[in-house]
Amino acid sequence: MSQKRYPEEFKIEAVRQIVERGHAVAEVSERLGVSQHSLYKWIKQRQMSPGQRQEQLSQSEELRRLKAELKRVTEERDILKKAAAYFARQSG
């Protein structure tokens, strides 16, 4: 499942429409084409202190990096398995 990434300014403005201007989450969600879940998540993030927000961003980046590394290592392992099976057939 791919996740669409939105610029920080977009997120801030979407949250502002809900929090400051009083628009309903469902209305903003439909108008901007963003899931309600994402909007609630962005609102929650804005309520965090800058230190907490930075820590969460760091953890998110680390998780993204680890997932990419896991994918790469899994692909390498699969290639090595196929090579081992190929060479086992050749020598046997």
N, C-alpha and C. Protein backbone atom coordinates (compact mmCIF):
# COMPACT_ATOMS: atom_id res chain seq x y z
N MET A 1 0.85 -1.16 0.00
CA MET A 1 0.00 0.00 0.00
C MET A 1 0.90 1.23 0.00
N SER A 2 0.75 2.07 -0.98
CA SER A 2 1.58 3.27 -1.04
C SER A 2 0.87 4.41 -0.35
N GLN A 3 1.66 5.23 0.29
CA GLN A 3 1.12 6.35 1.03
C GLN A 3 1.45 7.62 0.28
N LYS A 4 0.44 8.45 0.06
CA LYS A 4 0.67 9.73 -0.59
C LYS A 4 1.25 10.69 0.43
N ARG A 5 2.27 11.41 0.06
CA ARG A 5 2.91 12.36 0.97
C ARG A 5 2.46 13.77 0.62
N TYR A 6 2.12 14.50 1.63
CA TYR A 6 1.67 15.87 1.45
C TYR A 6 2.70 16.83 2.04
N PRO A 7 2.87 17.99 1.40
CA PRO A 7 3.80 18.99 1.96
C PRO A 7 3.31 19.46 3.33
N GLU A 8 4.25 19.86 4.16
CA GLU A 8 3.93 20.31 5.52
C GLU A 8 2.95 21.50 5.50
N GLU A 9 3.12 22.40 4.54
CA GLU A 9 2.23 23.56 4.45
C GLU A 9 0.79 23.14 4.18
N PHE A 10 0.62 22.12 3.37
CA PHE A 10 -0.71 21.59 3.05
C PHE A 10 -1.36 21.05 4.32
N LYS A 11 -0.58 20.29 5.10
CA LYS A 11 -1.11 19.72 6.33
C LYS A 11 -1.51 20.82 7.32
N ILE A 12 -0.65 21.82 7.45
CA ILE A 12 -0.93 22.92 8.37
C ILE A 12 -2.22 23.64 7.99
N GLU A 13 -2.38 23.91 6.70
CA GLU A 13 -3.59 24.61 6.25
C GLU A 13 -4.83 23.75 6.44
N ALA A 14 -4.73 22.45 6.19
CA ALA A 14 -5.87 21.55 6.39
C ALA A 14 -6.29 21.56 7.86
N VAL A 15 -5.32 21.47 8.76
CA VAL A 15 -5.62 21.48 10.19
C VAL A 15 -6.20 22.82 10.60
N ARG A 16 -5.66 23.90 10.06
CA ARG A 16 -6.16 25.24 10.38
C ARG A 16 -7.64 25.38 10.00
N GLN A 17 -8.03 24.80 8.87
CA GLN A 17 -9.43 24.88 8.44
C GLN A 17 -10.35 24.21 9.45
N ILE A 18 -9.86 23.17 10.09
CA ILE A 18 -10.68 22.44 11.06
C ILE A 18 -10.64 23.13 12.43
N VAL A 19 -9.44 23.41 12.91
CA VAL A 19 -9.26 23.91 14.27
C VAL A 19 -9.65 25.39 14.40
N GLU A 20 -9.17 26.22 13.50
CA GLU A 20 -9.39 27.66 13.63
C GLU A 20 -10.67 28.14 12.96
N ARG A 21 -10.98 27.57 11.81
CA ARG A 21 -12.14 28.05 11.07
C ARG A 21 -13.41 27.27 11.36
N GLY A 22 -13.28 26.15 12.07
CA GLY A 22 -14.45 25.39 12.51
C GLY A 22 -15.11 24.51 11.47
N HIS A 23 -14.42 24.22 10.37
CA HIS A 23 -15.00 23.32 9.38
C HIS A 23 -14.97 21.89 9.90
N ALA A 24 -15.93 21.09 9.46
CA ALA A 24 -16.00 19.69 9.88
C ALA A 24 -14.89 18.88 9.21
N VAL A 25 -14.40 17.89 9.93
CA VAL A 25 -13.35 17.02 9.39
C VAL A 25 -13.83 16.35 8.11
N ALA A 26 -15.05 15.85 8.10
CA ALA A 26 -15.59 15.18 6.92
C ALA A 26 -15.62 16.12 5.72
N GLU A 27 -16.00 17.36 5.95
CA GLU A 27 -16.07 18.35 4.86
C GLU A 27 -14.68 18.63 4.29
N VAL A 28 -13.71 18.87 5.16
CA VAL A 28 -12.35 19.15 4.72
C VAL A 28 -11.76 17.93 4.01
N SER A 29 -12.05 16.76 4.56
CA SER A 29 -11.57 15.51 3.97
C SER A 29 -12.06 15.36 2.53
N GLU A 30 -13.34 15.59 2.33
CA GLU A 30 -13.92 15.44 0.99
C GLU A 30 -13.39 16.51 0.04
N ARG A 31 -13.32 17.74 0.53
CA ARG A 31 -12.89 18.85 -0.32
C ARG A 31 -11.43 18.71 -0.75
N LEU A 32 -10.56 18.26 0.16
CA LEU A 32 -9.13 18.17 -0.15
C LEU A 32 -8.72 16.80 -0.68
N GLY A 33 -9.60 15.82 -0.58
CA GLY A 33 -9.27 14.48 -1.06
C GLY A 33 -8.28 13.77 -0.14
N VAL A 34 -8.41 14.03 1.16
CA VAL A 34 -7.54 13.42 2.16
C VAL A 34 -8.42 12.60 3.08
N SER A 35 -7.92 11.46 3.54
CA SER A 35 -8.74 10.64 4.43
C SER A 35 -8.95 11.35 5.77
N GLN A 36 -10.07 11.04 6.39
CA GLN A 36 -10.36 11.61 7.69
C GLN A 36 -9.32 11.14 8.71
N HIS A 37 -8.87 9.91 8.57
CA HIS A 37 -7.84 9.37 9.46
C HIS A 37 -6.58 10.24 9.41
N SER A 38 -6.18 10.62 8.21
CA SER A 38 -4.99 11.46 8.07
C SER A 38 -5.20 12.81 8.73
N LEU A 39 -6.37 13.39 8.55
CA LEU A 39 -6.65 14.69 9.15
C LEU A 39 -6.60 14.62 10.68
N TYR A 40 -7.21 13.58 11.25
CA TYR A 40 -7.16 13.44 12.71
C TYR A 40 -5.72 13.25 13.19
N LYS A 41 -4.93 12.51 12.43
CA LYS A 41 -3.53 12.30 12.78
C LYS A 41 -2.76 13.62 12.74
N TRP A 42 -3.01 14.44 11.72
CA TRP A 42 -2.32 15.73 11.60
C TRP A 42 -2.72 16.66 12.74
N ILE A 43 -4.00 16.63 13.12
CA ILE A 43 -4.46 17.46 14.24
C ILE A 43 -3.74 17.05 15.51
N LYS A 44 -3.65 15.75 15.74
CA LYS A 44 -2.97 15.24 16.94
C LYS A 44 -1.50 15.67 16.95
N GLN A 45 -0.85 15.59 15.79
CA GLN A 45 0.56 15.99 15.69
C GLN A 45 0.74 17.47 16.03
N ARG A 46 -0.18 18.31 15.61
CA ARG A 46 -0.08 19.76 15.86
C ARG A 46 -0.23 20.08 17.35
N GLN A 47 -0.89 19.17 18.08
CA GLN A 47 -1.10 19.39 19.51
C GLN A 47 0.12 18.98 20.33
N MET A 48 1.08 18.30 19.72
CA MET A 48 2.30 17.88 20.41
C MET A 48 3.26 19.06 20.54
N SER A 49 4.13 18.95 21.52
CA SER A 49 5.18 19.96 21.65
C SER A 49 6.18 19.76 20.52
N PRO A 50 6.94 20.80 20.17
CA PRO A 50 7.93 20.65 19.09
C PRO A 50 8.93 19.52 19.35
N GLY A 51 9.31 19.33 20.59
CA GLY A 51 10.24 18.24 20.91
C GLY A 51 9.64 16.88 20.64
N GLN A 52 8.37 16.70 21.05
CA GLN A 52 7.68 15.43 20.81
C GLN A 52 7.49 15.19 19.32
N ARG A 53 7.13 16.26 18.60
CA ARG A 53 6.91 16.15 17.16
C ARG A 53 8.20 15.74 16.46
N GLN A 54 9.34 16.36 16.86
CA GLN A 54 10.62 16.04 16.24
C GLN A 54 11.01 14.59 16.53
N GLU A 55 10.75 14.13 17.75
CA GLU A 55 11.07 12.75 18.10
C GLU A 55 10.23 11.78 17.26
N GLN A 56 8.96 12.11 17.08
CA GLN A 56 8.09 11.25 16.28
C GLN A 56 8.56 11.22 14.82
N LEU A 57 8.95 12.38 14.29
CA LEU A 57 9.45 12.43 12.92
C LEU A 57 10.73 11.60 12.77
N SER A 58 11.60 11.69 13.76
CA SER A 58 12.84 10.91 13.73
C SER A 58 12.53 9.42 13.73
N GLN A 59 11.59 9.02 14.57
CA GLN A 59 11.21 7.61 14.62
C GLN A 59 10.57 7.16 13.31
N SER A 60 9.77 8.02 12.72
CA SER A 60 9.14 7.68 11.44
C SER A 60 10.18 7.51 10.34
N GLU A 61 11.16 8.41 10.32
CA GLU A 61 12.22 8.31 9.32
C GLU A 61 13.04 7.03 9.53
N GLU A 62 13.34 6.70 10.78
CA GLU A 62 14.10 5.48 11.09
C GLU A 62 13.31 4.25 10.66
N LEU A 63 12.00 4.25 10.91
CA LEU A 63 11.16 3.13 10.51
C LEU A 63 11.14 2.99 8.99
N ARG A 64 11.03 4.11 8.28
CA ARG A 64 11.03 4.09 6.82
C ARG A 64 12.37 3.54 6.29
N ARG A 65 13.47 3.98 6.91
CA ARG A 65 14.79 3.51 6.50
C ARG A 65 14.94 2.01 6.75
N LEU A 66 14.48 1.55 7.92
CA LEU A 66 14.59 0.13 8.25
C LEU A 66 13.73 -0.74 7.34
N LYS A 67 12.55 -0.25 6.97
CA LYS A 67 11.70 -1.00 6.05
C LYS A 67 12.37 -1.13 4.68
N ALA A 68 13.00 -0.06 4.22
CA ALA A 68 13.70 -0.10 2.93
C ALA A 68 14.87 -1.08 3.00
N GLU A 69 15.59 -1.06 4.10
CA GLU A 69 16.73 -1.97 4.26
C GLU A 69 16.25 -3.41 4.33
N LEU A 70 15.15 -3.67 5.04
CA LEU A 70 14.60 -5.01 5.12
C LEU A 70 14.20 -5.51 3.73
N LYS A 71 13.59 -4.65 2.94
CA LYS A 71 13.19 -5.03 1.58
C LYS A 71 14.41 -5.41 0.75
N ARG A 72 15.47 -4.59 0.84
CA ARG A 72 16.69 -4.85 0.09
C ARG A 72 17.33 -6.17 0.52
N VAL A 73 17.43 -6.40 1.82
CA VAL A 73 18.06 -7.61 2.33
C VAL A 73 17.23 -8.85 1.98
N THR A 74 15.91 -8.72 2.01
CA THR A 74 15.04 -9.83 1.63
C THR A 74 15.24 -10.19 0.16
N GLU A 75 15.34 -9.18 -0.70
CA GLU A 75 15.58 -9.43 -2.12
C GLU A 75 16.94 -10.11 -2.33
N GLU A 76 17.95 -9.65 -1.60
CA GLU A 76 19.28 -10.28 -1.71
C GLU A 76 19.23 -11.73 -1.28
N ARG A 77 18.53 -12.00 -0.17
CA ARG A 77 18.41 -13.37 0.32
C ARG A 77 17.72 -14.26 -0.71
N ASP A 78 16.66 -13.77 -1.33
CA ASP A 78 15.94 -14.54 -2.34
C ASP A 78 16.83 -14.86 -3.53
N ILE A 79 17.64 -13.89 -3.94
CA ILE A 79 18.57 -14.11 -5.05
C ILE A 79 19.59 -15.17 -4.68
N LEU A 80 20.12 -15.09 -3.47
CA LEU A 80 21.12 -16.07 -3.02
C LEU A 80 20.51 -17.47 -2.92
N LYS A 81 19.26 -17.58 -2.47
CA LYS A 81 18.59 -18.88 -2.41
C LYS A 81 18.49 -19.50 -3.80
N LYS A 82 18.09 -18.66 -4.77
CA LYS A 82 17.96 -19.16 -6.13
C LYS A 82 19.32 -19.57 -6.69
N ALA A 83 20.36 -18.80 -6.41
CA ALA A 83 21.70 -19.14 -6.88
C ALA A 83 22.18 -20.43 -6.23
N ALA A 84 21.93 -20.60 -4.95
CA ALA A 84 22.36 -21.82 -4.25
C ALA A 84 21.65 -23.03 -4.84
N ALA A 85 20.36 -22.90 -5.12
CA ALA A 85 19.61 -24.01 -5.72
C ALA A 85 20.13 -24.33 -7.11
N TYR A 86 20.45 -23.29 -7.88
CA TYR A 86 20.99 -23.49 -9.23
C TYR A 86 22.31 -24.23 -9.18
N PHE A 87 23.23 -23.79 -8.34
CA PHE A 87 24.54 -24.42 -8.26
C PHE A 87 24.47 -25.81 -7.67
N ALA A 88 23.51 -26.06 -6.78
CA ALA A 88 23.32 -27.41 -6.24
C ALA A 88 22.89 -28.37 -7.33
N ARG A 89 22.03 -27.89 -8.24
CA ARG A 89 21.60 -28.74 -9.37
C ARG A 89 22.76 -28.99 -10.33
N GLN A 90 23.59 -27.99 -10.56
CA GLN A 90 24.71 -28.11 -11.49
C GLN A 90 25.76 -29.10 -10.98
N SER A 91 26.01 -29.10 -9.68
CA SER A 91 27.06 -29.95 -9.14
C SER A 91 26.54 -31.34 -8.81
N GLY A 92 25.23 -31.50 -8.74
CA GLY A 92 24.67 -32.78 -8.30
C GLY A 92 24.15 -33.58 -9.37
